């Protein structure tokens, strides 16, 4: 990917005023001394937010140039552990497809690329490079670093595979969904329900405001995602063992 593409991501995700909104939102999930996983750390804006709240962070980012950026940003911070790998259902190796003009949408999912092809709003996206990367799992990260109080998962179509590598519920977590792959979100919700989660909420885009005043169950969340217009594009579903964390306001 080009330096210009990374620069665009830095300007977008470190825009003035955004840090305060991130911190206010994440404070419901994390506090001083907690552990957080930032899976798909990208340019590290979530990692930075978690650190401002006093949490330790395991930041997972498989893109080599972004992993180098994260080392520049956080390499001297003992509260951040950088893991340059993919996450999946089992340990091994996989091919990461890179979009050199838009590093936000690098993916190990061929189904994600197929779903984006020709979809309105995804015109011009091209996955024009590839690199083999090691794959680890959420369970392996927990064994190495401890169970996080919150895990953010943003891996462009691989969210269900990542959750398949988790065998016990965390206090809270989030996963990204897209309207081009609603079935992935449905699979994620099914997996989380099987792990014991009963309370869910969601944010559209980068809004950092819950769509529902109070948490809903997995079936209601799946129905809400199914009914979204295509133009909604993406968002994040939040799940917690503590329903009060998912109330608006």
C-alpha atoms as a PDB file:
ATOM      1  CA  UNK A   1       0.000   0.000   0.000  1.00  0.00           C
ATOM      2  CA  UNK A   2       1.136   3.534  -0.595  1.00  0.00           C
ATOM      3  CA  UNK A   3       2.157   6.133   1.968  1.00  0.00           C
ATOM      4  CA  UNK A   4      -0.689   8.268   0.616  1.00  0.00           C
ATOM      5  CA  UNK A   5      -3.244   5.559   1.439  1.00  0.00           C
ATOM      6  CA  UNK A   6      -1.910   5.224   4.978  1.00  0.00           C
ATOM      7  CA  UNK A   7      -1.974   8.996   5.300  1.00  0.00           C
ATOM      8  CA  UNK A   8      -5.654   9.069   4.338  1.00  0.00           C
ATOM      9  CA  UNK A   9      -6.425   6.511   7.029  1.00  0.00           C
ATOM     10  CA  UNK A  10      -4.487   8.484   9.634  1.00  0.00           C
ATOM     11  CA  UNK A  11      -6.360  11.691   8.769  1.00  0.00           C
ATOM     12  CA  UNK A  12      -9.710   9.897   8.883  1.00  0.00           C
ATOM     13  CA  UNK A  13      -9.252   7.933  12.093  1.00  0.00           C
ATOM     14  CA  UNK A  14      -7.360  10.635  13.980  1.00  0.00           C
ATOM     15  CA  UNK A  15      -9.648  13.498  12.906  1.00  0.00           C
ATOM     16  CA  UNK A  16     -10.001  16.333  15.450  1.00  0.00           C
ATOM     17  CA  UNK A  17     -12.606  15.549  18.104  1.00  0.00           C
ATOM     18  CA  UNK A  18     -12.802  11.853  17.305  1.00  0.00           C
ATOM     19  CA  UNK A  19     -10.597  10.720  20.190  1.00  0.00           C
ATOM     20  CA  UNK A  20     -12.929  12.218  22.796  1.00  0.00           C
ATOM     21  CA  UNK A  21     -15.946  10.482  21.216  1.00  0.00           C
ATOM     22  CA  UNK A  22     -14.119   7.151  21.108  1.00  0.00           C
ATOM     23  CA  UNK A  23     -13.053   7.422  24.735  1.00  0.00           C
ATOM     24  CA  UNK A  24     -16.525   8.366  25.967  1.00  0.00           C
ATOM     25  CA  UNK A  25     -18.009   5.378  24.147  1.00  0.00           C
ATOM     26  CA  UNK A  26     -15.357   2.834  25.134  1.00  0.00           C
ATOM     27  CA  UNK A  27     -15.473   3.878  28.804  1.00  0.00           C
ATOM     28  CA  UNK A  28     -18.576   1.696  29.223  1.00  0.00           C
ATOM     29  CA  UNK A  29     -16.425  -1.341  28.415  1.00  0.00           C
ATOM     30  CA  UNK A  30     -12.957  -0.582  29.759  1.00  0.00           C
ATOM     31  CA  UNK A  31     -11.198   1.063  32.679  1.00  0.00           C
ATOM     32  CA  UNK A  32      -7.777   1.314  34.233  1.00  0.00           C
ATOM     33  CA  UNK A  33      -6.058  -2.043  34.560  1.00  0.00           C
ATOM     34  CA  UNK A  34      -8.349  -3.898  32.149  1.00  0.00           C
ATOM     35  CA  UNK A  35      -7.079  -5.825  29.133  1.00  0.00           C
ATOM     36  CA  UNK A  36      -8.410  -5.163  25.610  1.00  0.00           C
ATOM     37  CA  UNK A  37      -7.890  -6.934  22.288  1.00  0.00           C
ATOM     38  CA  UNK A  38      -7.859  -4.745  19.159  1.00  0.00           C
ATOM     39  CA  UNK A  39      -8.269  -7.297  16.366  1.00  0.00           C
ATOM     40  CA  UNK A  40      -7.728  -5.569  13.052  1.00  0.00           C
ATOM     41  CA  UNK A  41      -5.948  -2.627  14.666  1.00  0.00           C
ATOM     42  CA  UNK A  42      -5.336  -0.823  11.342  1.00  0.00           C
ATOM     43  CA  UNK A  43      -3.778   2.580  12.237  1.00  0.00           C
ATOM     44  CA  UNK A  44      -4.292   2.110  15.981  1.00  0.00           C
ATOM     45  CA  UNK A  45      -7.005   4.634  16.803  1.00  0.00           C
ATOM     46  CA  UNK A  46      -8.870   2.096  18.960  1.00  0.00           C
ATOM     47  CA  UNK A  47      -5.647   0.967  20.606  1.00  0.00           C
ATOM     48  CA  UNK A  48      -4.899   4.600  21.445  1.00  0.00           C
ATOM     49  CA  UNK A  49      -8.380   5.031  22.915  1.00  0.00           C
ATOM     50  CA  UNK A  50      -8.066   1.900  25.048  1.00  0.00           C
ATOM     51  CA  UNK A  51      -4.711   3.132  26.341  1.00  0.00           C
ATOM     52  CA  UNK A  52      -6.102   6.566  27.235  1.00  0.00           C
ATOM     53  CA  UNK A  53      -8.668   4.730  29.369  1.00  0.00           C
ATOM     54  CA  UNK A  54      -5.847   2.940  31.193  1.00  0.00           C
ATOM     55  CA  UNK A  55      -6.313  -0.491  29.628  1.00  0.00           C
ATOM     56  CA  UNK A  56      -3.513  -2.731  28.423  1.00  0.00           C
ATOM     57  CA  UNK A  57      -3.891  -3.705  24.770  1.00  0.00           C
ATOM     58  CA  UNK A  58      -3.052  -6.631  22.525  1.00  0.00           C
ATOM     59  CA  UNK A  59      -3.186  -5.106  19.038  1.00  0.00           C
ATOM     60  CA  UNK A  60      -3.500  -7.595  16.169  1.00  0.00           C
ATOM     61  CA  UNK A  61      -2.672  -6.327  12.659  1.00  0.00           C
ATOM     62  CA  UNK A  62      -1.531  -8.574   9.797  1.00  0.00           C
ATOM     63  CA  UNK A  63      -0.755  -5.933   7.135  1.00  0.00           C
ATOM     64  CA  UNK A  64       3.042  -5.554   7.142  1.00  0.00           C
ATOM     65  CA  UNK A  65       3.159  -1.802   6.514  1.00  0.00           C
ATOM     66  CA  UNK A  66       0.460  -1.113   9.093  1.00  0.00           C
ATOM     67  CA  UNK A  67       2.237  -3.383  11.579  1.00  0.00           C
ATOM     68  CA  UNK A  68       5.341  -1.230  11.080  1.00  0.00           C
ATOM     69  CA  UNK A  69       3.252   1.914  11.656  1.00  0.00           C
ATOM     70  CA  UNK A  70       1.907   0.448  14.887  1.00  0.00           C
ATOM     71  CA  UNK A  71       5.454  -0.272  16.035  1.00  0.00           C
ATOM     72  CA  UNK A  72       6.303   3.388  15.415  1.00  0.00           C
ATOM     73  CA  UNK A  73       3.222   4.551  17.318  1.00  0.00           C
ATOM     74  CA  UNK A  74       3.240   2.086  20.224  1.00  0.00           C
ATOM     75  CA  UNK A  75       6.540   0.208  20.146  1.00  0.00           C
ATOM     76  CA  UNK A  76       7.853   2.017  23.238  1.00  0.00           C
ATOM     77  CA  UNK A  77       4.612   1.606  25.190  1.00  0.00           C
ATOM     78  CA  UNK A  78       4.891  -1.368  27.580  1.00  0.00           C
ATOM     79  CA  UNK A  79       1.096  -1.411  27.813  1.00  0.00           C
ATOM     80  CA  UNK A  80       0.723  -2.438  24.153  1.00  0.00           C
ATOM     81  CA  UNK A  81       1.598  -5.861  22.731  1.00  0.00           C
ATOM     82  CA  UNK A  82       1.700  -6.008  18.929  1.00  0.00           C
ATOM     83  CA  UNK A  83       0.767  -9.247  17.149  1.00  0.00           C
ATOM     84  CA  UNK A  84       1.455  -9.172  13.374  1.00  0.00           C
ATOM     85  CA  UNK A  85      -0.905 -12.003  12.438  1.00  0.00           C
ATOM     86  CA  UNK A  86      -4.358 -12.930  11.237  1.00  0.00           C
ATOM     87  CA  UNK A  87      -6.990 -14.421  13.530  1.00  0.00           C
ATOM     88  CA  UNK A  88      -9.134 -17.350  12.523  1.00  0.00           C
ATOM     89  CA  UNK A  89     -10.814 -20.554  13.609  1.00  0.00           C
ATOM     90  CA  UNK A  90      -7.541 -22.481  13.933  1.00  0.00           C
ATOM     91  CA  UNK A  91      -3.827 -21.777  13.959  1.00  0.00           C
ATOM     92  CA  UNK A  92      -1.932 -22.023  10.687  1.00  0.00           C
ATOM     93  CA  UNK A  93      -1.282 -19.754   7.720  1.00  0.00           C
ATOM     94  CA  UNK A  94      -3.531 -17.913   5.265  1.00  0.00           C
ATOM     95  CA  UNK A  95      -3.287 -15.488   2.366  1.00  0.00           C
ATOM     96  CA  UNK A  96      -4.146 -11.876   3.143  1.00  0.00           C
ATOM     97  CA  UNK A  97      -5.451  -9.978   0.114  1.00  0.00           C
ATOM     98  CA  UNK A  98      -4.333  -6.342   0.126  1.00  0.00           C
ATOM     99  CA  UNK A  99      -6.104  -3.340  -1.356  1.00  0.00           C
ATOM    100  CA  UNK A 100      -3.135  -1.040  -1.845  1.00  0.00           C
ATOM    101  CA  UNK A 101      -5.315   2.035  -2.413  1.00  0.00           C
ATOM    102  CA  UNK A 102      -7.567   1.336   0.583  1.00  0.00           C
ATOM    103  CA  UNK A 103      -5.824  -0.571   3.412  1.00  0.00           C
ATOM    104  CA  UNK A 104      -9.007  -0.448   5.520  1.00  0.00           C
ATOM    105  CA  UNK A 105     -10.460  -3.376   3.548  1.00  0.00           C
ATOM    106  CA  UNK A 106      -7.603  -5.891   3.421  1.00  0.00           C
ATOM    107  CA  UNK A 107      -9.102  -9.332   3.887  1.00  0.00           C
ATOM    108  CA  UNK A 108      -8.374 -13.041   4.098  1.00  0.00           C
ATOM    109  CA  UNK A 109     -11.917 -13.779   2.873  1.00  0.00           C
ATOM    110  CA  UNK A 110     -12.414 -14.509  -0.827  1.00  0.00           C
ATOM    111  CA  UNK A 111     -16.161 -14.438  -0.142  1.00  0.00           C
ATOM    112  CA  UNK A 112     -15.853 -10.837   1.054  1.00  0.00           C
ATOM    113  CA  UNK A 113     -14.085  -9.836  -2.173  1.00  0.00           C
ATOM    114  CA  UNK A 114     -16.748 -11.631  -4.231  1.00  0.00           C
ATOM    115  CA  UNK A 115     -19.540  -9.878  -2.316  1.00  0.00           C
ATOM    116  CA  UNK A 116     -17.921  -6.469  -2.867  1.00  0.00           C
ATOM    117  CA  UNK A 117     -17.504  -7.042  -6.604  1.00  0.00           C
ATOM    118  CA  UNK A 118     -20.108  -4.954  -8.398  1.00  0.00           C
ATOM    119  CA  UNK A 119     -21.881  -3.937  -5.198  1.00  0.00           C
ATOM    120  CA  UNK A 120     -23.120  -0.318  -5.070  1.00  0.00           C
ATOM    121  CA  UNK A 121     -20.732   1.777  -3.006  1.00  0.00           C
ATOM    122  CA  UNK A 122     -17.832  -0.616  -3.602  1.00  0.00           C
ATOM    123  CA  UNK A 123     -17.012   0.476  -7.123  1.00  0.00           C
ATOM    124  CA  UNK A 124     -13.324   0.745  -7.924  1.00  0.00           C
ATOM    125  CA  UNK A 125     -12.099  -1.418  -5.052  1.00  0.00           C
ATOM    126  CA  UNK A 126      -9.295  -3.727  -6.146  1.00  0.00           C
ATOM    127  CA  UNK A 127      -7.415  -6.320  -4.132  1.00  0.00           C
ATOM    128  CA  UNK A 128      -4.196  -6.113  -6.108  1.00  0.00           C
ATOM    129  CA  UNK A 129      -1.595  -7.719  -3.849  1.00  0.00           C
ATOM    130  CA  UNK A 130      -1.336 -10.657  -1.490  1.00  0.00           C
ATOM    131  CA  UNK A 131       0.866 -11.855   1.322  1.00  0.00           C
ATOM    132  CA  UNK A 132       0.960 -15.062   3.375  1.00  0.00           C
ATOM    133  CA  UNK A 133       0.470 -14.434   7.086  1.00  0.00           C
ATOM    134  CA  UNK A 134       0.422 -16.630  10.211  1.00  0.00           C
ATOM    135  CA  UNK A 135      -2.982 -17.307  11.750  1.00  0.00           C
ATOM    136  CA  UNK A 136      -3.672 -17.507  15.464  1.00  0.00           C
ATOM    137  CA  UNK A 137      -6.915 -17.679  17.450  1.00  0.00           C
ATOM    138  CA  UNK A 138      -8.671 -15.758  20.185  1.00  0.00           C
ATOM    139  CA  UNK A 139      -8.224 -18.747  22.479  1.00  0.00           C
ATOM    140  CA  UNK A 140      -4.469 -18.742  21.795  1.00  0.00           C
ATOM    141  CA  UNK A 141      -4.240 -15.009  22.494  1.00  0.00           C
ATOM    142  CA  UNK A 142      -6.119 -15.529  25.764  1.00  0.00           C
ATOM    143  CA  UNK A 143      -3.759 -18.340  26.736  1.00  0.00           C
ATOM    144  CA  UNK A 144      -0.779 -16.068  26.063  1.00  0.00           C
ATOM    145  CA  UNK A 145      -2.043 -12.739  27.426  1.00  0.00           C
ATOM    146  CA  UNK A 146      -5.136 -13.361  29.551  1.00  0.00           C
ATOM    147  CA  UNK A 147      -8.848 -12.884  28.931  1.00  0.00           C
ATOM    148  CA  UNK A 148      -9.735  -9.361  27.802  1.00  0.00           C
ATOM    149  CA  UNK A 149     -12.531  -7.324  29.321  1.00  0.00           C
ATOM    150  CA  UNK A 150     -13.346  -6.181  25.777  1.00  0.00           C
ATOM    151  CA  UNK A 151     -12.364  -7.345  22.298  1.00  0.00           C
ATOM    152  CA  UNK A 152     -12.969  -5.354  19.110  1.00  0.00           C
ATOM    153  CA  UNK A 153     -13.036  -7.494  15.955  1.00  0.00           C
ATOM    154  CA  UNK A 154     -12.875  -5.826  12.532  1.00  0.00           C
ATOM    155  CA  UNK A 155     -11.532  -8.249   9.918  1.00  0.00           C
ATOM    156  CA  UNK A 156     -13.500  -7.711   6.683  1.00  0.00           C
ATOM    157  CA  UNK A 157     -15.640 -10.810   6.352  1.00  0.00           C
ATOM    158  CA  UNK A 158     -13.634 -13.086   8.651  1.00  0.00           C
ATOM    159  CA  UNK A 159     -15.541 -12.187  11.823  1.00  0.00           C
ATOM    160  CA  UNK A 160     -17.393 -15.505  12.093  1.00  0.00           C
ATOM    161  CA  UNK A 161     -14.147 -17.427  11.613  1.00  0.00           C
ATOM    162  CA  UNK A 162     -12.472 -15.374  14.348  1.00  0.00           C
ATOM    163  CA  UNK A 163     -15.360 -16.039  16.753  1.00  0.00           C
ATOM    164  CA  UNK A 164     -15.098 -19.763  15.950  1.00  0.00           C
ATOM    165  CA  UNK A 165     -11.683 -19.584  17.607  1.00  0.00           C
ATOM    166  CA  UNK A 166     -13.235 -18.438  20.902  1.00  0.00           C
ATOM    167  CA  UNK A 167     -14.476 -21.137  23.286  1.00  0.00           C
ATOM    168  CA  UNK A 168     -15.655 -19.026  26.239  1.00  0.00           C
ATOM    169  CA  UNK A 169     -17.501 -15.728  26.512  1.00  0.00           C
ATOM    170  CA  UNK A 170     -15.676 -12.493  27.261  1.00  0.00           C
ATOM    171  CA  UNK A 171     -17.191  -9.726  29.352  1.00  0.00           C
ATOM    172  CA  UNK A 172     -17.885  -7.752  26.175  1.00  0.00           C
ATOM    173  CA  UNK A 173     -16.876  -7.698  22.529  1.00  0.00           C
ATOM    174  CA  UNK A 174     -17.777  -6.170  19.187  1.00  0.00           C
ATOM    175  CA  UNK A 175     -17.669  -7.382  15.599  1.00  0.00           C
ATOM    176  CA  UNK A 176     -18.032  -5.462  12.362  1.00  0.00           C
ATOM    177  CA  UNK A 177     -20.835  -6.276   9.934  1.00  0.00           C
ATOM    178  CA  UNK A 178     -21.481  -5.176   6.353  1.00  0.00           C
ATOM    179  CA  UNK A 179     -24.660  -5.071   4.286  1.00  0.00           C
ATOM    180  CA  UNK A 180     -22.891  -6.982   1.503  1.00  0.00           C
ATOM    181  CA  UNK A 181     -22.411  -9.969   3.840  1.00  0.00           C
ATOM    182  CA  UNK A 182     -25.342 -10.057   6.234  1.00  0.00           C
ATOM    183  CA  UNK A 183     -24.984 -13.822   6.496  1.00  0.00           C
ATOM    184  CA  UNK A 184     -21.635 -13.384   8.223  1.00  0.00           C
ATOM    185  CA  UNK A 185     -23.312 -11.234  10.871  1.00  0.00           C
ATOM    186  CA  UNK A 186     -26.016 -13.882  11.298  1.00  0.00           C
ATOM    187  CA  UNK A 187     -23.350 -16.543  11.796  1.00  0.00           C
ATOM    188  CA  UNK A 188     -21.553 -14.336  14.343  1.00  0.00           C
ATOM    189  CA  UNK A 189     -24.755 -13.820  16.293  1.00  0.00           C
ATOM    190  CA  UNK A 190     -25.432 -17.543  16.298  1.00  0.00           C
ATOM    191  CA  UNK A 191     -21.954 -18.256  17.612  1.00  0.00           C
ATOM    192  CA  UNK A 192     -22.246 -15.631  20.338  1.00  0.00           C
ATOM    193  CA  UNK A 193     -25.667 -16.906  21.397  1.00  0.00           C
ATOM    194  CA  UNK A 194     -24.153 -20.391  21.686  1.00  0.00           C
ATOM    195  CA  UNK A 195     -21.441 -18.928  23.949  1.00  0.00           C
ATOM    196  CA  UNK A 196     -24.122 -17.533  26.250  1.00  0.00           C
ATOM    197  CA  UNK A 197     -24.583 -13.915  25.162  1.00  0.00           C
ATOM    198  CA  UNK A 198     -28.139 -12.627  25.435  1.00  0.00           C
ATOM    199  CA  UNK A 199     -27.694  -8.834  25.126  1.00  0.00           C
ATOM    200  CA  UNK A 200     -26.716  -7.020  21.927  1.00  0.00           C
ATOM    201  CA  UNK A 201     -26.698  -3.512  20.502  1.00  0.00           C
ATOM    202  CA  UNK A 202     -25.158  -1.934  17.414  1.00  0.00           C
ATOM    203  CA  UNK A 203     -23.693   1.234  15.967  1.00  0.00           C
ATOM    204  CA  UNK A 204     -23.878   2.183  12.305  1.00  0.00           C
ATOM    205  CA  UNK A 205     -20.718   3.321  10.578  1.00  0.00           C
ATOM    206  CA  UNK A 206     -18.387   5.251  12.844  1.00  0.00           C
ATOM    207  CA  UNK A 207     -21.274   6.884  14.720  1.00  0.00           C
ATOM    208  CA  UNK A 208     -20.397   5.535  18.179  1.00  0.00           C
ATOM    209  CA  UNK A 209     -24.036   5.786  19.234  1.00  0.00           C
ATOM    210  CA  UNK A 210     -26.210   2.771  19.892  1.00  0.00           C
ATOM    211  CA  UNK A 211     -29.064   2.202  17.453  1.00  0.00           C
ATOM    212  CA  UNK A 212     -31.321   0.775  20.185  1.00  0.00           C
ATOM    213  CA  UNK A 213     -32.173   2.458  23.465  1.00  0.00           C
ATOM    214  CA  UNK A 214     -31.832  -0.874  25.273  1.00  0.00           C
ATOM    215  CA  UNK A 215     -30.122  -4.142  24.336  1.00  0.00           C
ATOM    216  CA  UNK A 216     -31.936  -6.713  22.204  1.00  0.00           C
ATOM    217  CA  UNK A 217     -31.518 -10.454  21.785  1.00  0.00           C
ATOM    218  CA  UNK A 218     -29.653 -12.187  18.960  1.00  0.00           C
ATOM    219  CA  UNK A 219     -32.781 -12.868  16.885  1.00  0.00           C
ATOM    220  CA  UNK A 220     -33.880  -9.230  17.057  1.00  0.00           C
ATOM    221  CA  UNK A 221     -30.397  -8.045  16.128  1.00  0.00           C
ATOM    222  CA  UNK A 222     -30.287 -10.399  13.140  1.00  0.00           C
ATOM    223  CA  UNK A 223     -33.677  -9.106  11.979  1.00  0.00           C
ATOM    224  CA  UNK A 224     -32.544  -5.486  12.373  1.00  0.00           C
ATOM    225  CA  UNK A 225     -29.428  -6.104  10.251  1.00  0.00           C
ATOM    226  CA  UNK A 226     -31.486  -7.968   7.625  1.00  0.00           C
ATOM    227  CA  UNK A 227     -33.831  -4.967   7.316  1.00  0.00           C
ATOM    228  CA  UNK A 228     -31.119  -2.321   6.919  1.00  0.00           C
ATOM    229  CA  UNK A 229     -30.904  -0.614   3.535  1.00  0.00           C
ATOM    230  CA  UNK A 230     -27.853  -1.495   1.473  1.00  0.00           C
ATOM    231  CA  UNK A 231     -26.651   2.102   1.810  1.00  0.00           C
ATOM    232  CA  UNK A 232     -26.170   1.603   5.562  1.00  0.00           C
ATOM    233  CA  UNK A 233     -23.000  -0.215   4.442  1.00  0.00           C
ATOM    234  CA  UNK A 234     -21.456  -1.266   7.752  1.00  0.00           C
ATOM    235  CA  UNK A 235     -21.441  -1.026  11.500  1.00  0.00           C
ATOM    236  CA  UNK A 236     -20.487  -2.866  14.647  1.00  0.00           C
ATOM    237  CA  UNK A 237     -22.510  -5.234  16.815  1.00  0.00           C
ATOM    238  CA  UNK A 238     -21.726  -5.173  20.537  1.00  0.00           C
ATOM    239  CA  UNK A 239     -22.352  -8.099  22.866  1.00  0.00           C
ATOM    240  CA  UNK A 240     -21.956  -8.113  26.641  1.00  0.00           C
ATOM    241  CA  UNK A 241     -22.642 -10.381  29.578  1.00  0.00           C
ATOM    242  CA  UNK A 242     -23.681  -7.188  31.404  1.00  0.00           C
ATOM    243  CA  UNK A 243     -26.747  -5.742  29.629  1.00  0.00           C
ATOM    244  CA  UNK A 244     -26.362  -2.336  31.296  1.00  0.00           C
ATOM    245  CA  UNK A 245     -23.225  -1.713  29.235  1.00  0.00           C
ATOM    246  CA  UNK A 246     -25.369  -1.742  26.081  1.00  0.00           C
ATOM    247  CA  UNK A 247     -27.886   0.920  27.051  1.00  0.00           C
ATOM    248  CA  UNK A 248     -27.891   4.137  25.088  1.00  0.00           C
ATOM    249  CA  UNK A 249     -26.636   7.219  26.906  1.00  0.00           C
END
